[in-house]
Amino acid sequence: MASRDRKDPPPPGSGPCEPEAPHERRERKEHESRNQDEALEETFPASDPVSPFVPAKVPK
């Protein structure tokens, strides 16, 4: 696994990332799903839904 969040912008000057393998995608999606389920449980009951993470734009 990488030391940065997958949704973080790449460092300046770095090339394109390698595509993830099917098993890596499945593991990542399962991890994201568990995290969202946990966040939902921690905010229940609440009137506002859990907000999805929106990555920042790459600085120029």
PDB file of N, CA and C in Angstrom:
ATOM      1  N   MET A   1       0.843  -1.183   0.000  1.00  0.00           N
ATOM      2  CA  MET A   1       0.000   0.000   0.000  1.00  0.00           C
ATOM      3  C   MET A   1       0.886   1.243   0.000  1.00  0.00           C
ATOM      4  N   ALA A   2       0.367   2.297  -0.564  1.00  0.00           N
ATOM      5  CA  ALA A   2       1.088   3.560  -0.622  1.00  0.00           C
ATOM      6  C   ALA A   2       1.011   4.268   0.731  1.00  0.00           C
ATOM      7  N   SER A   3       1.952   5.177   0.965  1.00  0.00           N
ATOM      8  CA  SER A   3       1.960   5.903   2.224  1.00  0.00           C
ATOM      9  C   SER A   3       1.029   7.110   2.193  1.00  0.00           C
ATOM     10  N   ARG A   4       0.465   7.425   1.032  1.00  0.00           N
ATOM     11  CA  ARG A   4      -0.474   8.535   0.934  1.00  0.00           C
ATOM     12  C   ARG A   4      -1.850   7.996   0.571  1.00  0.00           C
ATOM     13  N   ASP A   5      -2.851   8.816   0.804  1.00  0.00           N
ATOM     14  CA  ASP A   5      -4.215   8.439   0.439  1.00  0.00           C
ATOM     15  C   ASP A   5      -4.323   8.398  -1.080  1.00  0.00           C
ATOM     16  N   ARG A   6      -5.045   7.438  -1.594  1.00  0.00           N
ATOM     17  CA  ARG A   6      -5.200   7.279  -3.029  1.00  0.00           C
ATOM     18  C   ARG A   6      -5.805   8.521  -3.665  1.00  0.00           C
ATOM     19  N   LYS A   7      -6.606   9.249  -2.916  1.00  0.00           N
ATOM     20  CA  LYS A   7      -7.298  10.413  -3.455  1.00  0.00           C
ATOM     21  C   LYS A   7      -6.476  11.690  -3.352  1.00  0.00           C
ATOM     22  N   ASP A   8      -5.323  11.646  -2.703  1.00  0.00           N
ATOM     23  CA  ASP A   8      -4.459  12.819  -2.635  1.00  0.00           C
ATOM     24  C   ASP A   8      -3.879  13.090  -4.022  1.00  0.00           C
ATOM     25  N   PRO A   9      -3.687  14.361  -4.365  1.00  0.00           N
ATOM     26  CA  PRO A   9      -3.067  14.640  -5.663  1.00  0.00           C
ATOM     27  C   PRO A   9      -1.628  14.140  -5.672  1.00  0.00           C
ATOM     28  N   PRO A  10      -1.143  13.690  -6.831  1.00  0.00           N
ATOM     29  CA  PRO A  10       0.245  13.213  -6.898  1.00  0.00           C
ATOM     30  C   PRO A  10       1.221  14.366  -6.702  1.00  0.00           C
ATOM     31  N   PRO A  11       2.412  14.052  -6.206  1.00  0.00           N
ATOM     32  CA  PRO A  11       3.410  15.105  -6.036  1.00  0.00           C
ATOM     33  C   PRO A  11       3.782  15.703  -7.400  1.00  0.00           C
ATOM     34  N   PRO A  12       4.127  16.989  -7.449  1.00  0.00           N
ATOM     35  CA  PRO A  12       4.520  17.613  -8.718  1.00  0.00           C
ATOM     36  C   PRO A  12       5.707  16.888  -9.337  1.00  0.00           C
ATOM     37  N   GLY A  13       5.646  16.715 -10.644  1.00  0.00           N
ATOM     38  CA  GLY A  13       6.749  16.071 -11.360  1.00  0.00           C
ATOM     39  C   GLY A  13       6.686  14.565 -11.391  1.00  0.00           C
ATOM     40  N   SER A  14       5.722  13.954 -10.715  1.00  0.00           N
ATOM     41  CA  SER A  14       5.633  12.497 -10.754  1.00  0.00           C
ATOM     42  C   SER A  14       4.842  12.084 -11.989  1.00  0.00           C
ATOM     43  N   GLY A  15       5.197  10.971 -12.538  1.00  0.00           N
ATOM     44  CA  GLY A  15       4.524  10.463 -13.727  1.00  0.00           C
ATOM     45  C   GLY A  15       3.193   9.833 -13.386  1.00  0.00           C
ATOM     46  N   PRO A  16       2.528   9.307 -14.394  1.00  0.00           N
ATOM     47  CA  PRO A  16       1.235   8.655 -14.135  1.00  0.00           C
ATOM     48  C   PRO A  16       1.405   7.404 -13.274  1.00  0.00           C
ATOM     49  N   CYS A  17       0.418   7.117 -12.449  1.00  0.00           N
ATOM     50  CA  CYS A  17       0.460   5.953 -11.571  1.00  0.00           C
ATOM     51  C   CYS A  17       0.095   4.690 -12.347  1.00  0.00           C
ATOM     52  N   GLU A  18       0.607   3.578 -11.874  1.00  0.00           N
ATOM     53  CA  GLU A  18       0.254   2.302 -12.496  1.00  0.00           C
ATOM     54  C   GLU A  18      -1.189   1.967 -12.143  1.00  0.00           C
ATOM     55  N   PRO A  19      -1.927   1.351 -13.074  1.00  0.00           N
ATOM     56  CA  PRO A  19      -3.298   0.959 -12.741  1.00  0.00           C
ATOM     57  C   PRO A  19      -3.290  -0.122 -11.657  1.00  0.00           C
ATOM     58  N   GLU A  20      -4.289  -0.096 -10.799  1.00  0.00           N
ATOM     59  CA  GLU A  20      -4.335  -1.074  -9.720  1.00  0.00           C
ATOM     60  C   GLU A  20      -4.833  -2.420 -10.235  1.00  0.00           C
ATOM     61  N   ALA A  21      -4.354  -3.479  -9.611  1.00  0.00           N
ATOM     62  CA  ALA A  21      -4.771  -4.835  -9.970  1.00  0.00           C
ATOM     63  C   ALA A  21      -6.201  -5.072  -9.475  1.00  0.00           C
ATOM     64  N   PRO A  22      -6.913  -6.010 -10.086  1.00  0.00           N
ATOM     65  CA  PRO A  22      -8.294  -6.285  -9.658  1.00  0.00           C
ATOM     66  C   PRO A  22      -8.421  -6.589  -8.162  1.00  0.00           C
ATOM     67  N   HIS A  23      -7.479  -7.357  -7.598  1.00  0.00           N
ATOM     68  CA  HIS A  23      -7.573  -7.679  -6.170  1.00  0.00           C
ATOM     69  C   HIS A  23      -7.308  -6.433  -5.312  1.00  0.00           C
ATOM     70  N   GLU A  24      -6.432  -5.533  -5.784  1.00  0.00           N
ATOM     71  CA  GLU A  24      -6.180  -4.286  -5.049  1.00  0.00           C
ATOM     72  C   GLU A  24      -7.426  -3.400  -5.069  1.00  0.00           C
ATOM     73  N   ARG A  25      -8.098  -3.339  -6.217  1.00  0.00           N
ATOM     74  CA  ARG A  25      -9.326  -2.538  -6.322  1.00  0.00           C
ATOM     75  C   ARG A  25     -10.395  -3.088  -5.386  1.00  0.00           C
ATOM     76  N   ARG A  26     -10.548  -4.414  -5.359  1.00  0.00           N
ATOM     77  CA  ARG A  26     -11.551  -5.048  -4.498  1.00  0.00           C
ATOM     78  C   ARG A  26     -11.254  -4.758  -3.026  1.00  0.00           C
ATOM     79  N   GLU A  27      -9.985  -4.897  -2.627  1.00  0.00           N
ATOM     80  CA  GLU A  27      -9.595  -4.621  -1.239  1.00  0.00           C
ATOM     81  C   GLU A  27      -9.830  -3.149  -0.888  1.00  0.00           C
ATOM     82  N   ARG A  28      -9.488  -2.249  -1.820  1.00  0.00           N
ATOM     83  CA  ARG A  28      -9.679  -0.815  -1.574  1.00  0.00           C
ATOM     84  C   ARG A  28     -11.162  -0.492  -1.423  1.00  0.00           C
ATOM     85  N   LYS A  29     -11.985  -1.053  -2.311  1.00  0.00           N
ATOM     86  CA  LYS A  29     -13.422  -0.785  -2.244  1.00  0.00           C
ATOM     87  C   LYS A  29     -14.020  -1.334  -0.943  1.00  0.00           C
ATOM     88  N   GLU A  30     -13.585  -2.515  -0.511  1.00  0.00           N
ATOM     89  CA  GLU A  30     -14.077  -3.088   0.748  1.00  0.00           C
ATOM     90  C   GLU A  30     -13.666  -2.209   1.932  1.00  0.00           C
ATOM     91  N   HIS A  31     -12.429  -1.716   1.899  1.00  0.00           N
ATOM     92  CA  HIS A  31     -11.930  -0.840   2.966  1.00  0.00           C
ATOM     93  C   HIS A  31     -12.739   0.458   3.006  1.00  0.00           C
ATOM     94  N   GLU A  32     -12.979   1.063   1.828  1.00  0.00           N
ATOM     95  CA  GLU A  32     -13.761   2.295   1.766  1.00  0.00           C
ATOM     96  C   GLU A  32     -15.180   2.062   2.285  1.00  0.00           C
ATOM     97  N   SER A  33     -15.748   0.912   1.938  1.00  0.00           N
ATOM     98  CA  SER A  33     -17.102   0.585   2.381  1.00  0.00           C
ATOM     99  C   SER A  33     -17.155   0.435   3.905  1.00  0.00           C
ATOM    100  N   ARG A  34     -16.145  -0.254   4.473  1.00  0.00           N
ATOM    101  CA  ARG A  34     -16.097  -0.402   5.938  1.00  0.00           C
ATOM    102  C   ARG A  34     -15.947   0.955   6.613  1.00  0.00           C
ATOM    103  N   ASN A  35     -15.095   1.817   6.049  1.00  0.00           N
ATOM    104  CA  ASN A  35     -14.909   3.156   6.621  1.00  0.00           C
ATOM    105  C   ASN A  35     -16.199   3.961   6.568  1.00  0.00           C
ATOM    106  N   GLN A  36     -16.919   3.882   5.460  1.00  0.00           N
ATOM    107  CA  GLN A  36     -18.160   4.640   5.354  1.00  0.00           C
ATOM    108  C   GLN A  36     -19.217   4.092   6.316  1.00  0.00           C
ATOM    109  N   ASP A  37     -19.284   2.765   6.444  1.00  0.00           N
ATOM    110  CA  ASP A  37     -20.224   2.161   7.394  1.00  0.00           C
ATOM    111  C   ASP A  37     -19.915   2.612   8.823  1.00  0.00           C
ATOM    112  N   GLU A  38     -18.628   2.638   9.166  1.00  0.00           N
ATOM    113  CA  GLU A  38     -18.227   3.069  10.512  1.00  0.00           C
ATOM    114  C   GLU A  38     -18.576   4.538  10.735  1.00  0.00           C
ATOM    115  N   ALA A  39     -18.321   5.385   9.733  1.00  0.00           N
ATOM    116  CA  ALA A  39     -18.646   6.809   9.855  1.00  0.00           C
ATOM    117  C   ALA A  39     -20.150   6.995  10.028  1.00  0.00           C
ATOM    118  N   LEU A  40     -20.932   6.219   9.313  1.00  0.00           N
ATOM    119  CA  LEU A  40     -22.377   6.313   9.432  1.00  0.00           C
ATOM    120  C   LEU A  40     -22.834   5.917  10.830  1.00  0.00           C
ATOM    121  N   GLU A  41     -22.268   4.825  11.360  1.00  0.00           N
ATOM    122  CA  GLU A  41     -22.621   4.377  12.706  1.00  0.00           C
ATOM    123  C   GLU A  41     -22.252   5.434  13.753  1.00  0.00           C
ATOM    124  N   GLU A  42     -21.111   6.101  13.567  1.00  0.00           N
ATOM    125  CA  GLU A  42     -20.655   7.102  14.529  1.00  0.00           C
ATOM    126  C   GLU A  42     -21.502   8.370  14.497  1.00  0.00           C
ATOM    127  N   THR A  43     -22.168   8.630  13.377  1.00  0.00           N
ATOM    128  CA  THR A  43     -22.964   9.852  13.266  1.00  0.00           C
ATOM    129  C   THR A  43     -24.457   9.591  13.485  1.00  0.00           C
ATOM    130  N   PHE A  44     -24.842   8.354  13.715  1.00  0.00           N
ATOM    131  CA  PHE A  44     -26.256   8.033  13.880  1.00  0.00           C
ATOM    132  C   PHE A  44     -26.686   8.280  15.318  1.00  0.00           C
ATOM    133  N   PRO A  45     -27.809   8.796  15.655  1.00  0.00           N
ATOM    134  CA  PRO A  45     -28.770   9.369  14.718  1.00  0.00           C
ATOM    135  C   PRO A  45     -28.391  10.813  14.405  1.00  0.00           C
ATOM    136  N   ALA A  46     -28.596  11.178  13.191  1.00  0.00           N
ATOM    137  CA  ALA A  46     -28.312  12.550  12.774  1.00  0.00           C
ATOM    138  C   ALA A  46     -29.230  12.903  11.609  1.00  0.00           C
ATOM    139  N   SER A  47     -29.455  14.167  11.421  1.00  0.00           N
ATOM    140  CA  SER A  47     -30.342  14.579  10.341  1.00  0.00           C
ATOM    141  C   SER A  47     -29.590  14.765   9.034  1.00  0.00           C
ATOM    142  N   ASP A  48     -28.278  14.934   9.088  1.00  0.00           N
ATOM    143  CA  ASP A  48     -27.496  15.153   7.874  1.00  0.00           C
ATOM    144  C   ASP A  48     -26.787  13.870   7.452  1.00  0.00           C
ATOM    145  N   PRO A  49     -26.755  13.571   6.152  1.00  0.00           N
ATOM    146  CA  PRO A  49     -26.053  12.375   5.682  1.00  0.00           C
ATOM    147  C   PRO A  49     -24.532  12.549   5.783  1.00  0.00           C
ATOM    148  N   VAL A  50     -23.812  11.430   5.732  1.00  0.00           N
ATOM    149  CA  VAL A  50     -22.350  11.454   5.736  1.00  0.00           C
ATOM    150  C   VAL A  50     -21.907  12.080   4.421  1.00  0.00           C
ATOM    151  N   SER A  51     -20.980  13.042   4.482  1.00  0.00           N
ATOM    152  CA  SER A  51     -20.525  13.682   3.280  1.00  0.00           C
ATOM    153  C   SER A  51     -19.333  12.939   2.689  1.00  0.00           C
ATOM    154  N   PRO A  52     -19.334  12.684   1.393  1.00  0.00           N
ATOM    155  CA  PRO A  52     -18.201  11.978   0.768  1.00  0.00           C
ATOM    156  C   PRO A  52     -16.970  12.878   0.714  1.00  0.00           C
ATOM    157  N   PHE A  53     -15.825  12.268   0.697  1.00  0.00           N
ATOM    158  CA  PHE A  53     -14.561  13.001   0.610  1.00  0.00           C
ATOM    159  C   PHE A  53     -14.398  13.545  -0.807  1.00  0.00           C
ATOM    160  N   VAL A  54     -14.013  14.818  -0.936  1.00  0.00           N
ATOM    161  CA  VAL A  54     -13.744  15.417  -2.240  1.00  0.00           C
ATOM    162  C   VAL A  54     -12.277  15.828  -2.235  1.00  0.00           C
ATOM    163  N   PRO A  55     -11.459  15.205  -3.107  1.00  0.00           N
ATOM    164  CA  PRO A  55     -10.036  15.534  -3.113  1.00  0.00           C
ATOM    165  C   PRO A  55      -9.770  16.958  -3.601  1.00  0.00           C
ATOM    166  N   ALA A  56      -8.699  17.524  -3.104  1.00  0.00           N
ATOM    167  CA  ALA A  56      -8.298  18.876  -3.511  1.00  0.00           C
ATOM    168  C   ALA A  56      -7.685  18.829  -4.901  1.00  0.00           C
ATOM    169  N   LYS A  57      -7.719  19.966  -5.584  1.00  0.00           N
ATOM    170  CA  LYS A  57      -7.108  20.057  -6.895  1.00  0.00           C
ATOM    171  C   LYS A  57      -5.590  20.163  -6.729  1.00  0.00           C
ATOM    172  N   VAL A  58      -4.873  19.714  -7.730  1.00  0.00           N
ATOM    173  CA  VAL A  58      -3.412  19.758  -7.704  1.00  0.00           C
ATOM    174  C   VAL A  58      -2.959  21.217  -7.784  1.00  0.00           C
ATOM    175  N   PRO A  59      -2.113  21.663  -6.828  1.00  0.00           N
ATOM    176  CA  PRO A  59      -1.638  23.059  -6.894  1.00  0.00           C
ATOM    177  C   PRO A  59      -0.770  23.273  -8.132  1.00  0.00           C
ATOM    178  N   LYS A  60      -0.868  24.465  -8.691  1.00  0.00           N
ATOM    179  CA  LYS A  60      -0.082  24.768  -9.908  1.00  0.00           C
ATOM    180  C   LYS A  60       1.112  25.600  -9.582  1.00  0.00           C
TER     181      LYS A  60
END
